[in-house]
Amino acid sequence: MGEDTQVCSLGPDSEYVELAVEVFAMLADPTRVRIILALRSSGEMSVNHLADVVDKSPTAVSQHLAKLRLSRMVQPRRVGTTVFYRLTDEHASELVAQAVLQAEHVIGATHHHQESH
């Protein structure tokens, strides 16, 4: 019973491929990546503080946070009229960090590749 439930979900036939694509689509926005990075380093921030950090209006940041909240990447906490957000878990943070490191590697690899010739 349930013998296949723990089979590696990282294979090409994984039932989670489509959902993984949705995660990437959610993170395919510079403002949302900046929000994730800000929350990664600060833990919890208000909408207005996040807006300052990512250099966007509080309204725009709120709209991005709503999408991130629907995808369960962030969680809100209300204190009076102020709403604070934090990452739900480390997964989105790790994805964004790995993407940034990949971008750095690509740029570095380009330079190394040119130097090796």
C-alpha atoms as a PDB file:
ATOM      1  CA  MET A   1       0.000   0.000   0.000  1.00  0.00           C
ATOM      2  CA  GLY A   2       1.388   3.331  -1.049  1.00  0.00           C
ATOM      3  CA  GLU A   3       4.633   1.771  -2.199  1.00  0.00           C
ATOM      4  CA  ASP A   4       5.064   4.358  -4.958  1.00  0.00           C
ATOM      5  CA  THR A   5       4.184   7.388  -2.825  1.00  0.00           C
ATOM      6  CA  GLN A   6       7.803   8.008  -1.874  1.00  0.00           C
ATOM      7  CA  VAL A   7       9.267   7.394  -5.334  1.00  0.00           C
ATOM      8  CA  CYS A   8      11.415  10.319  -6.418  1.00  0.00           C
ATOM      9  CA  SER A   9       9.178  13.200  -7.488  1.00  0.00           C
ATOM     10  CA  LEU A  10      12.092  14.771  -9.353  1.00  0.00           C
ATOM     11  CA  GLY A  11      11.834  12.530 -12.393  1.00  0.00           C
ATOM     12  CA  PRO A  12      10.596  13.799 -15.768  1.00  0.00           C
ATOM     13  CA  ASP A  13       7.258  12.053 -15.209  1.00  0.00           C
ATOM     14  CA  SER A  14       6.624  13.809 -11.889  1.00  0.00           C
ATOM     15  CA  GLU A  15       3.040  14.820 -11.233  1.00  0.00           C
ATOM     16  CA  TYR A  16       4.406  18.156  -9.946  1.00  0.00           C
ATOM     17  CA  VAL A  17       5.977  19.435 -13.180  1.00  0.00           C
ATOM     18  CA  GLU A  18       3.043  21.691 -14.064  1.00  0.00           C
ATOM     19  CA  LEU A  19       2.912  23.103 -10.539  1.00  0.00           C
ATOM     20  CA  ALA A  20       6.670  23.719 -10.649  1.00  0.00           C
ATOM     21  CA  VAL A  21       6.179  25.708 -13.847  1.00  0.00           C
ATOM     22  CA  GLU A  22       3.560  27.803 -12.045  1.00  0.00           C
ATOM     23  CA  VAL A  23       6.100  28.499  -9.285  1.00  0.00           C
ATOM     24  CA  PHE A  24       8.634  29.670 -11.859  1.00  0.00           C
ATOM     25  CA  ALA A  25       5.980  31.818 -13.531  1.00  0.00           C
ATOM     26  CA  MET A  26       5.188  33.430 -10.182  1.00  0.00           C
ATOM     27  CA  LEU A  27       8.863  34.222  -9.687  1.00  0.00           C
ATOM     28  CA  ALA A  28       9.341  35.474 -13.269  1.00  0.00           C
ATOM     29  CA  ASP A  29       8.895  39.091 -12.219  1.00  0.00           C
ATOM     30  CA  PRO A  30      11.713  41.390 -11.033  1.00  0.00           C
ATOM     31  CA  THR A  31       9.600  43.045  -8.332  1.00  0.00           C
ATOM     32  CA  ARG A  32       8.530  39.713  -6.855  1.00  0.00           C
ATOM     33  CA  VAL A  33      12.140  38.481  -6.901  1.00  0.00           C
ATOM     34  CA  ARG A  34      13.211  41.664  -5.112  1.00  0.00           C
ATOM     35  CA  ILE A  35      10.430  41.196  -2.538  1.00  0.00           C
ATOM     36  CA  ILE A  36      11.558  37.618  -1.884  1.00  0.00           C
ATOM     37  CA  LEU A  37      15.183  38.747  -1.525  1.00  0.00           C
ATOM     38  CA  ALA A  38      14.182  41.565   0.847  1.00  0.00           C
ATOM     39  CA  LEU A  39      12.149  39.207   3.015  1.00  0.00           C
ATOM     40  CA  ARG A  40      14.952  36.645   2.881  1.00  0.00           C
ATOM     41  CA  SER A  41      17.370  39.121   4.437  1.00  0.00           C
ATOM     42  CA  SER A  42      14.988  40.912   6.810  1.00  0.00           C
ATOM     43  CA  GLY A  43      12.604  38.202   7.923  1.00  0.00           C
ATOM     44  CA  GLU A  44       9.470  40.333   8.127  1.00  0.00           C
ATOM     45  CA  MET A  45       8.620  43.713   6.653  1.00  0.00           C
ATOM     46  CA  SER A  46       5.644  46.015   6.325  1.00  0.00           C
ATOM     47  CA  VAL A  47       4.225  46.780   2.889  1.00  0.00           C
ATOM     48  CA  ASN A  48       5.523  50.366   3.065  1.00  0.00           C
ATOM     49  CA  HIS A  49       9.024  49.262   4.079  1.00  0.00           C
ATOM     50  CA  LEU A  50       9.065  46.690   1.270  1.00  0.00           C
ATOM     51  CA  ALA A  51       7.909  49.382  -1.167  1.00  0.00           C
ATOM     52  CA  ASP A  52      10.867  51.553  -0.137  1.00  0.00           C
ATOM     53  CA  VAL A  53      13.326  48.669  -0.428  1.00  0.00           C
ATOM     54  CA  VAL A  54      12.155  47.535  -3.882  1.00  0.00           C
ATOM     55  CA  ASP A  55      11.565  51.103  -5.086  1.00  0.00           C
ATOM     56  CA  LYS A  56       7.906  50.582  -6.030  1.00  0.00           C
ATOM     57  CA  SER A  57       4.667  52.114  -4.811  1.00  0.00           C
ATOM     58  CA  PRO A  58       2.953  50.478  -1.829  1.00  0.00           C
ATOM     59  CA  THR A  59      -0.024  49.732  -4.110  1.00  0.00           C
ATOM     60  CA  ALA A  60       2.171  47.868  -6.608  1.00  0.00           C
ATOM     61  CA  VAL A  61       3.921  45.970  -3.818  1.00  0.00           C
ATOM     62  CA  SER A  62       0.557  45.042  -2.288  1.00  0.00           C
ATOM     63  CA  GLN A  63      -0.565  43.603  -5.626  1.00  0.00           C
ATOM     64  CA  HIS A  64       2.610  41.522  -5.905  1.00  0.00           C
ATOM     65  CA  LEU A  65       2.267  40.383  -2.294  1.00  0.00           C
ATOM     66  CA  ALA A  66      -1.324  39.307  -2.969  1.00  0.00           C
ATOM     67  CA  LYS A  67      -0.093  37.039  -5.767  1.00  0.00           C
ATOM     68  CA  LEU A  68       2.715  35.687  -3.603  1.00  0.00           C
ATOM     69  CA  ARG A  69       0.217  35.108  -0.784  1.00  0.00           C
ATOM     70  CA  LEU A  70      -2.159  33.192  -3.110  1.00  0.00           C
ATOM     71  CA  SER A  71       0.751  30.996  -4.155  1.00  0.00           C
ATOM     72  CA  ARG A  72       1.542  30.466  -0.446  1.00  0.00           C
ATOM     73  CA  MET A  73       5.021  31.957  -0.696  1.00  0.00           C
ATOM     74  CA  VAL A  74       4.383  34.723   1.855  1.00  0.00           C
ATOM     75  CA  GLN A  75       2.194  35.097   4.912  1.00  0.00           C
ATOM     76  CA  PRO A  76       0.675  38.310   6.257  1.00  0.00           C
ATOM     77  CA  ARG A  77       0.454  39.440   9.866  1.00  0.00           C
ATOM     78  CA  ARG A  78      -1.698  42.437  10.751  1.00  0.00           C
ATOM     79  CA  VAL A  79      -0.827  44.776  13.607  1.00  0.00           C
ATOM     80  CA  GLY A  80      -3.470  47.491  13.779  1.00  0.00           C
ATOM     81  CA  THR A  81      -3.585  49.004  10.305  1.00  0.00           C
ATOM     82  CA  THR A  82      -0.120  47.777   9.328  1.00  0.00           C
ATOM     83  CA  VAL A  83       0.370  44.493   7.506  1.00  0.00           C
ATOM     84  CA  PHE A  84       3.705  42.720   7.804  1.00  0.00           C
ATOM     85  CA  TYR A  85       4.801  39.957   5.452  1.00  0.00           C
ATOM     86  CA  ARG A  86       7.218  37.105   5.862  1.00  0.00           C
ATOM     87  CA  LEU A  87       8.217  34.129   3.752  1.00  0.00           C
ATOM     88  CA  THR A  88       6.080  31.054   4.407  1.00  0.00           C
ATOM     89  CA  ASP A  89       9.124  28.776   4.268  1.00  0.00           C
ATOM     90  CA  GLU A  90      12.602  28.654   2.786  1.00  0.00           C
ATOM     91  CA  HIS A  91      11.650  27.165  -0.592  1.00  0.00           C
ATOM     92  CA  ALA A  92      10.895  30.353  -2.564  1.00  0.00           C
ATOM     93  CA  SER A  93      13.870  32.007  -0.918  1.00  0.00           C
ATOM     94  CA  GLU A  94      16.164  29.160  -1.969  1.00  0.00           C
ATOM     95  CA  LEU A  95      14.806  29.157  -5.533  1.00  0.00           C
ATOM     96  CA  VAL A  96      15.444  32.884  -5.871  1.00  0.00           C
ATOM     97  CA  ALA A  97      18.894  32.602  -4.271  1.00  0.00           C
ATOM     98  CA  GLN A  98      19.821  29.754  -6.632  1.00  0.00           C
ATOM     99  CA  ALA A  99      18.563  31.741  -9.636  1.00  0.00           C
ATOM    100  CA  VAL A 100      20.681  34.741  -8.633  1.00  0.00           C
ATOM    101  CA  LEU A 101      23.713  32.484  -8.130  1.00  0.00           C
ATOM    102  CA  GLN A 102      23.043  30.901 -11.538  1.00  0.00           C
ATOM    103  CA  ALA A 103      22.939  34.378 -13.103  1.00  0.00           C
ATOM    104  CA  GLU A 104      26.251  35.237 -11.413  1.00  0.00           C
ATOM    105  CA  HIS A 105      27.716  31.933 -12.610  1.00  0.00           C
ATOM    106  CA  VAL A 106      26.600  32.524 -16.193  1.00  0.00           C
ATOM    107  CA  ILE A 107      28.279  35.918 -16.223  1.00  0.00           C
ATOM    108  CA  GLY A 108      31.377  34.489 -14.548  1.00  0.00           C
ATOM    109  CA  ALA A 109      31.393  31.440 -16.828  1.00  0.00           C
ATOM    110  CA  THR A 110      31.224  33.718 -19.858  1.00  0.00           C
ATOM    111  CA  HIS A 111      34.337  35.503 -18.694  1.00  0.00           C
ATOM    112  CA  HIS A 112      36.110  32.251 -17.816  1.00  0.00           C
ATOM    113  CA  HIS A 113      35.145  30.740 -21.154  1.00  0.00           C
ATOM    114  CA  GLN A 114      36.614  33.716 -22.990  1.00  0.00           C
ATOM    115  CA  GLU A 115      39.782  33.557 -20.918  1.00  0.00           C
ATOM    116  CA  SER A 116      40.292  29.839 -21.596  1.00  0.00           C
ATOM    117  CA  HIS A 117      40.654  30.335 -25.354  1.00  0.00           C
END
